[in-house]
């Protein structure tokens, strides 16, 4: 087993939000003890969880089909600030569930989609 290969493994995800659908590819093993330490540093700097949420989502998504005015919309921390909070909450929760193997918000299909 090669750690670099393990950390770069990807899989697909799908999210439905208010009648809209988005799909993409996420890193399956992004959350590590070192990554959690990075998040704790944000908290120590006074983050109330918002920046941590943006970071988890941005760092976890390799690619997605989100567009803005027909143009590709990369999942950067800056761009995520323009996405509706309800979608961010659903997306962030789903990505954490997929990465930790904890499917607490409902049933999932093998493709990672959730209704």
N, C-alpha and C. Protein backbone atom coordinates (compact mmCIF):
# COMPACT_ATOMS: atom_id res chain seq x y z
N UNK A 1 0.86 -1.18 0.00
CA UNK A 1 0.00 0.00 0.00
C UNK A 1 0.90 1.23 0.00
N UNK A 2 0.62 2.15 -0.89
CA UNK A 2 1.34 3.41 -0.98
C UNK A 2 0.48 4.53 -0.41
N UNK A 3 0.99 5.24 0.59
CA UNK A 3 0.22 6.29 1.25
C UNK A 3 -0.21 7.38 0.28
N UNK A 4 0.67 7.78 -0.63
CA UNK A 4 0.32 8.82 -1.60
C UNK A 4 -0.87 8.38 -2.44
N UNK A 5 -0.84 7.13 -2.89
CA UNK A 5 -1.97 6.61 -3.67
C UNK A 5 -3.24 6.59 -2.84
N UNK A 6 -3.12 6.17 -1.60
CA UNK A 6 -4.29 6.11 -0.71
C UNK A 6 -4.90 7.50 -0.51
N UNK A 7 -4.06 8.50 -0.27
CA UNK A 7 -4.55 9.87 -0.04
C UNK A 7 -5.14 10.51 -1.29
N UNK A 8 -4.76 10.01 -2.46
CA UNK A 8 -5.27 10.57 -3.71
C UNK A 8 -6.42 9.77 -4.32
N UNK A 9 -6.91 8.75 -3.61
CA UNK A 9 -8.05 7.98 -4.11
C UNK A 9 -9.28 8.88 -4.21
N UNK A 10 -10.04 8.69 -5.27
CA UNK A 10 -11.25 9.49 -5.47
C UNK A 10 -12.45 8.60 -5.71
N UNK A 11 -13.61 9.21 -5.58
CA UNK A 11 -14.88 8.54 -5.89
C UNK A 11 -15.87 9.63 -6.26
N UNK A 12 -17.02 9.24 -6.76
CA UNK A 12 -18.01 10.23 -7.18
C UNK A 12 -18.99 10.54 -6.06
N UNK A 13 -19.60 11.72 -6.14
CA UNK A 13 -20.67 12.09 -5.23
C UNK A 13 -21.77 12.78 -6.04
N UNK A 14 -22.96 12.77 -5.50
CA UNK A 14 -24.10 13.46 -6.10
C UNK A 14 -24.89 14.11 -4.98
N UNK A 15 -25.43 15.28 -5.25
CA UNK A 15 -26.24 16.01 -4.28
C UNK A 15 -27.45 16.59 -5.01
N UNK A 16 -28.62 16.43 -4.42
CA UNK A 16 -29.82 17.10 -4.90
C UNK A 16 -30.18 18.17 -3.89
N UNK A 17 -30.46 19.37 -4.37
CA UNK A 17 -30.78 20.49 -3.49
C UNK A 17 -31.84 21.36 -4.15
N UNK A 18 -32.99 21.46 -3.53
CA UNK A 18 -34.09 22.31 -4.02
C UNK A 18 -34.39 22.10 -5.50
N UNK A 19 -34.43 20.85 -5.91
CA UNK A 19 -34.75 20.53 -7.29
C UNK A 19 -33.59 20.64 -8.27
N UNK A 20 -32.41 20.92 -7.77
CA UNK A 20 -31.21 21.00 -8.61
C UNK A 20 -30.28 19.85 -8.26
N UNK A 21 -29.48 19.46 -9.22
CA UNK A 21 -28.59 18.32 -9.05
C UNK A 21 -27.16 18.74 -9.37
N UNK A 22 -26.23 18.31 -8.54
CA UNK A 22 -24.82 18.49 -8.86
C UNK A 22 -24.08 17.21 -8.53
N UNK A 23 -23.02 16.98 -9.26
CA UNK A 23 -22.22 15.78 -9.07
C UNK A 23 -20.76 16.15 -9.24
N UNK A 24 -19.91 15.31 -8.71
CA UNK A 24 -18.49 15.56 -8.85
C UNK A 24 -17.66 14.40 -8.35
N UNK A 25 -16.40 14.70 -8.15
CA UNK A 25 -15.43 13.72 -7.68
C UNK A 25 -14.78 14.28 -6.41
N UNK A 26 -14.69 13.44 -5.38
CA UNK A 26 -14.09 13.87 -4.12
C UNK A 26 -12.94 12.95 -3.74
N UNK A 27 -12.06 13.48 -2.89
CA UNK A 27 -10.95 12.68 -2.35
C UNK A 27 -11.48 11.86 -1.18
N UNK A 28 -11.38 10.55 -1.28
CA UNK A 28 -11.96 9.65 -0.30
C UNK A 28 -11.27 9.70 1.06
N UNK A 29 -10.01 10.07 1.08
CA UNK A 29 -9.23 9.98 2.31
C UNK A 29 -8.58 11.30 2.70
N UNK A 30 -9.25 12.40 2.46
CA UNK A 30 -8.69 13.73 2.73
C UNK A 30 -8.54 13.99 4.23
N UNK A 31 -9.47 13.50 5.03
CA UNK A 31 -9.46 13.81 6.46
C UNK A 31 -8.49 12.86 7.18
N UNK A 32 -7.40 13.44 7.66
CA UNK A 32 -6.37 12.72 8.40
C UNK A 32 -6.14 13.44 9.72
N UNK A 33 -5.41 12.85 10.66
CA UNK A 33 -5.10 13.57 11.89
C UNK A 33 -4.39 14.90 11.63
N UNK A 34 -3.48 14.95 10.67
CA UNK A 34 -2.80 16.21 10.35
C UNK A 34 -3.78 17.24 9.80
N UNK A 35 -4.73 16.79 9.01
CA UNK A 35 -5.73 17.69 8.46
C UNK A 35 -6.61 18.26 9.58
N UNK A 36 -6.98 17.41 10.53
CA UNK A 36 -7.75 17.88 11.67
C UNK A 36 -6.98 18.90 12.49
N UNK A 37 -5.66 18.72 12.58
CA UNK A 37 -4.82 19.72 13.27
C UNK A 37 -4.87 21.07 12.55
N UNK A 38 -4.88 21.04 11.22
CA UNK A 38 -5.01 22.29 10.45
C UNK A 38 -6.32 22.99 10.78
N UNK A 39 -7.39 22.21 10.90
CA UNK A 39 -8.68 22.79 11.23
C UNK A 39 -8.69 23.38 12.64
N UNK A 40 -8.01 22.71 13.56
CA UNK A 40 -7.91 23.22 14.93
C UNK A 40 -7.16 24.56 14.97
N UNK A 41 -6.18 24.73 14.10
CA UNK A 41 -5.45 26.00 14.02
C UNK A 41 -6.39 27.12 13.61
N UNK A 42 -7.28 26.84 12.67
CA UNK A 42 -8.26 27.85 12.27
C UNK A 42 -9.15 28.22 13.46
N UNK A 43 -9.53 27.22 14.21
CA UNK A 43 -10.36 27.48 15.39
C UNK A 43 -9.61 28.32 16.41
N UNK A 44 -8.34 28.01 16.62
CA UNK A 44 -7.52 28.76 17.57
C UNK A 44 -7.35 30.21 17.13
N UNK A 45 -7.43 30.44 15.82
CA UNK A 45 -7.31 31.80 15.28
C UNK A 45 -8.63 32.55 15.34
N UNK A 46 -9.65 31.93 15.94
CA UNK A 46 -10.93 32.60 16.12
C UNK A 46 -12.01 32.20 15.15
N UNK A 47 -11.78 31.21 14.29
CA UNK A 47 -12.81 30.78 13.35
C UNK A 47 -13.94 30.09 14.12
N UNK A 48 -15.16 30.45 13.79
CA UNK A 48 -16.32 29.85 14.45
C UNK A 48 -16.82 28.61 13.71
N UNK A 49 -16.05 28.09 12.80
CA UNK A 49 -16.41 26.91 12.04
C UNK A 49 -16.67 27.20 10.57
N UNK A 50 -16.91 28.47 10.24
CA UNK A 50 -17.22 28.82 8.86
C UNK A 50 -16.04 28.54 7.94
N UNK A 51 -14.86 29.03 8.28
CA UNK A 51 -13.69 28.81 7.43
C UNK A 51 -13.32 27.33 7.38
N UNK A 52 -13.52 26.64 8.51
CA UNK A 52 -13.26 25.20 8.52
C UNK A 52 -14.17 24.49 7.52
N UNK A 53 -15.43 24.89 7.49
CA UNK A 53 -16.37 24.28 6.55
C UNK A 53 -15.98 24.53 5.11
N UNK A 54 -15.64 25.78 4.80
CA UNK A 54 -15.20 26.09 3.43
C UNK A 54 -13.97 25.26 3.07
N UNK A 55 -13.03 25.15 4.00
CA UNK A 55 -11.78 24.42 3.75
C UNK A 55 -12.06 22.95 3.49
N UNK A 56 -12.90 22.34 4.34
CA UNK A 56 -13.20 20.92 4.16
C UNK A 56 -13.81 20.67 2.78
N UNK A 57 -14.78 21.49 2.41
CA UNK A 57 -15.44 21.29 1.12
C UNK A 57 -14.47 21.53 -0.04
N UNK A 58 -13.77 22.66 0.00
CA UNK A 58 -12.85 23.00 -1.10
C UNK A 58 -11.74 21.96 -1.24
N UNK A 59 -11.18 21.52 -0.13
CA UNK A 59 -10.08 20.56 -0.18
C UNK A 59 -10.55 19.16 -0.55
N UNK A 60 -11.80 18.84 -0.27
CA UNK A 60 -12.30 17.49 -0.52
C UNK A 60 -12.74 17.27 -1.96
N UNK A 61 -13.16 18.34 -2.64
CA UNK A 61 -13.69 18.17 -4.00
C UNK A 61 -12.56 18.30 -5.02
N UNK A 62 -12.37 17.26 -5.80
CA UNK A 62 -11.41 17.33 -6.90
C UNK A 62 -12.02 18.09 -8.07
N UNK A 63 -13.29 17.80 -8.36
CA UNK A 63 -14.00 18.47 -9.46
C UNK A 63 -15.49 18.30 -9.24
N UNK A 64 -16.27 19.21 -9.86
CA UNK A 64 -17.73 19.11 -9.82
C UNK A 64 -18.30 19.77 -11.05
N UNK A 65 -19.60 19.59 -11.27
CA UNK A 65 -20.22 20.13 -12.47
C UNK A 65 -20.93 21.46 -12.22
N UNK A 66 -20.64 22.13 -11.11
CA UNK A 66 -21.24 23.43 -10.80
C UNK A 66 -20.75 24.48 -11.81
N UNK A 67 -21.70 25.27 -12.29
CA UNK A 67 -21.37 26.38 -13.18
C UNK A 67 -21.97 27.66 -12.63
N UNK A 68 -21.51 28.78 -13.15
CA UNK A 68 -22.04 30.10 -12.79
C UNK A 68 -22.20 30.87 -14.10
N UNK A 69 -23.44 31.05 -14.52
CA UNK A 69 -23.68 31.69 -15.80
C UNK A 69 -23.17 30.87 -16.97
N UNK A 70 -23.17 29.55 -16.81
CA UNK A 70 -22.71 28.66 -17.87
C UNK A 70 -21.22 28.40 -17.86
N UNK A 71 -20.48 29.10 -17.01
CA UNK A 71 -19.03 28.93 -16.93
C UNK A 71 -18.68 28.00 -15.77
N UNK A 72 -17.63 27.18 -15.92
CA UNK A 72 -17.21 26.33 -14.80
C UNK A 72 -16.96 27.16 -13.54
N UNK A 73 -17.33 26.61 -12.41
CA UNK A 73 -17.22 27.31 -11.13
C UNK A 73 -16.41 26.44 -10.16
N UNK A 74 -15.09 26.63 -10.12
CA UNK A 74 -14.24 25.77 -9.29
C UNK A 74 -14.63 25.85 -7.81
N UNK A 75 -14.51 24.75 -7.08
CA UNK A 75 -14.90 24.73 -5.66
C UNK A 75 -13.81 25.28 -4.75
N UNK A 76 -13.43 26.53 -4.95
CA UNK A 76 -12.43 27.15 -4.08
C UNK A 76 -13.12 27.72 -2.84
N UNK A 77 -12.34 27.98 -1.79
CA UNK A 77 -12.91 28.57 -0.58
C UNK A 77 -13.58 29.90 -0.91
N UNK A 78 -12.98 30.69 -1.75
CA UNK A 78 -13.55 31.99 -2.13
C UNK A 78 -14.88 31.80 -2.88
N UNK A 79 -14.91 30.90 -3.84
CA UNK A 79 -16.13 30.67 -4.60
C UNK A 79 -17.25 30.09 -3.74
N UNK A 80 -16.90 29.28 -2.77
CA UNK A 80 -17.93 28.67 -1.93
C UNK A 80 -18.71 29.71 -1.13
N UNK A 81 -18.14 30.88 -0.93
CA UNK A 81 -18.83 31.95 -0.21
C UNK A 81 -20.05 32.47 -0.99
N UNK A 82 -20.16 32.14 -2.26
CA UNK A 82 -21.28 32.58 -3.10
C UNK A 82 -22.38 31.53 -3.22
N UNK A 83 -22.12 30.34 -2.68
CA UNK A 83 -23.06 29.22 -2.79
C UNK A 83 -24.07 29.31 -1.64
N UNK A 84 -25.35 29.04 -1.88
CA UNK A 84 -26.34 29.08 -0.81
C UNK A 84 -25.93 28.20 0.38
N UNK A 85 -26.14 28.74 1.58
CA UNK A 85 -25.70 28.05 2.79
C UNK A 85 -26.34 26.67 2.93
N UNK A 86 -27.59 26.53 2.54
CA UNK A 86 -28.25 25.22 2.63
C UNK A 86 -27.55 24.16 1.79
N UNK A 87 -27.10 24.55 0.61
CA UNK A 87 -26.37 23.62 -0.25
C UNK A 87 -25.01 23.29 0.38
N UNK A 88 -24.34 24.29 0.93
CA UNK A 88 -23.05 24.04 1.57
C UNK A 88 -23.17 23.08 2.73
N UNK A 89 -24.19 23.27 3.55
CA UNK A 89 -24.39 22.39 4.70
C UNK A 89 -24.63 20.96 4.22
N UNK A 90 -25.49 20.80 3.23
CA UNK A 90 -25.78 19.46 2.71
C UNK A 90 -24.54 18.85 2.07
N UNK A 91 -23.83 19.62 1.28
CA UNK A 91 -22.64 19.13 0.59
C UNK A 91 -21.54 18.78 1.59
N UNK A 92 -21.27 19.68 2.53
CA UNK A 92 -20.23 19.41 3.53
C UNK A 92 -20.55 18.18 4.35
N UNK A 93 -21.80 18.06 4.78
CA UNK A 93 -22.20 16.88 5.54
C UNK A 93 -22.03 15.61 4.75
N UNK A 94 -22.42 15.66 3.49
CA UNK A 94 -22.31 14.47 2.64
C UNK A 94 -20.86 14.06 2.43
N UNK A 95 -19.99 15.04 2.19
CA UNK A 95 -18.58 14.73 1.97
C UNK A 95 -17.94 14.14 3.22
N UNK A 96 -18.28 14.66 4.38
CA UNK A 96 -17.73 14.10 5.62
C UNK A 96 -18.25 12.68 5.82
N UNK A 97 -19.54 12.48 5.56
CA UNK A 97 -20.11 11.13 5.68
C UNK A 97 -19.39 10.15 4.77
N UNK A 98 -19.19 10.54 3.53
CA UNK A 98 -18.55 9.66 2.56
C UNK A 98 -17.10 9.35 2.97
N UNK A 99 -16.40 10.33 3.50
CA UNK A 99 -15.00 10.14 3.86
C UNK A 99 -14.82 9.35 5.16
N UNK A 100 -15.79 9.44 6.05
CA UNK A 100 -15.65 8.74 7.33
C UNK A 100 -16.43 7.44 7.36
N UNK A 101 -17.27 7.20 6.33
CA UNK A 101 -18.07 5.99 6.30
C UNK A 101 -19.27 6.05 7.21
N UNK A 102 -19.64 7.25 7.65
CA UNK A 102 -20.76 7.43 8.56
C UNK A 102 -21.94 7.99 7.79
N UNK A 103 -22.90 7.13 7.46
CA UNK A 103 -24.06 7.54 6.68
C UNK A 103 -25.25 7.77 7.61
N UNK A 104 -25.23 8.90 8.32
CA UNK A 104 -26.24 9.16 9.34
C UNK A 104 -27.45 9.91 8.81
N UNK A 105 -27.38 10.50 7.62
CA UNK A 105 -28.47 11.33 7.12
C UNK A 105 -29.38 10.62 6.13
N UNK A 106 -29.32 9.32 6.06
CA UNK A 106 -30.21 8.61 5.15
C UNK A 106 -29.48 7.53 4.39
N UNK A 107 -30.23 6.87 3.56
CA UNK A 107 -29.66 5.79 2.77
C UNK A 107 -28.82 6.34 1.64
N UNK A 108 -27.86 5.56 1.24
CA UNK A 108 -27.02 5.96 0.11
C UNK A 108 -26.98 4.83 -0.89
N UNK A 109 -26.71 5.20 -2.12
CA UNK A 109 -26.57 4.20 -3.15
C UNK A 109 -25.09 3.97 -3.38
N UNK A 110 -24.71 2.90 -4.09
CA UNK A 110 -23.30 2.67 -4.37
C UNK A 110 -22.63 3.83 -5.08
N UNK A 111 -23.37 4.65 -5.83
CA UNK A 111 -22.76 5.76 -6.55
C UNK A 111 -22.51 6.95 -5.65
N UNK A 112 -23.00 6.88 -4.41
CA UNK A 112 -22.82 7.99 -3.50
C UNK A 112 -23.96 8.97 -3.52
N UNK A 113 -24.98 8.74 -4.32
CA UNK A 113 -26.10 9.67 -4.37
C UNK A 113 -26.99 9.45 -3.17
N UNK A 114 -27.65 10.52 -2.77
CA UNK A 114 -28.56 10.44 -1.65
C UNK A 114 -29.79 11.25 -1.95
N UNK A 115 -30.96 10.72 -1.67
CA UNK A 115 -32.20 11.43 -1.93
C UNK A 115 -32.71 12.07 -0.67
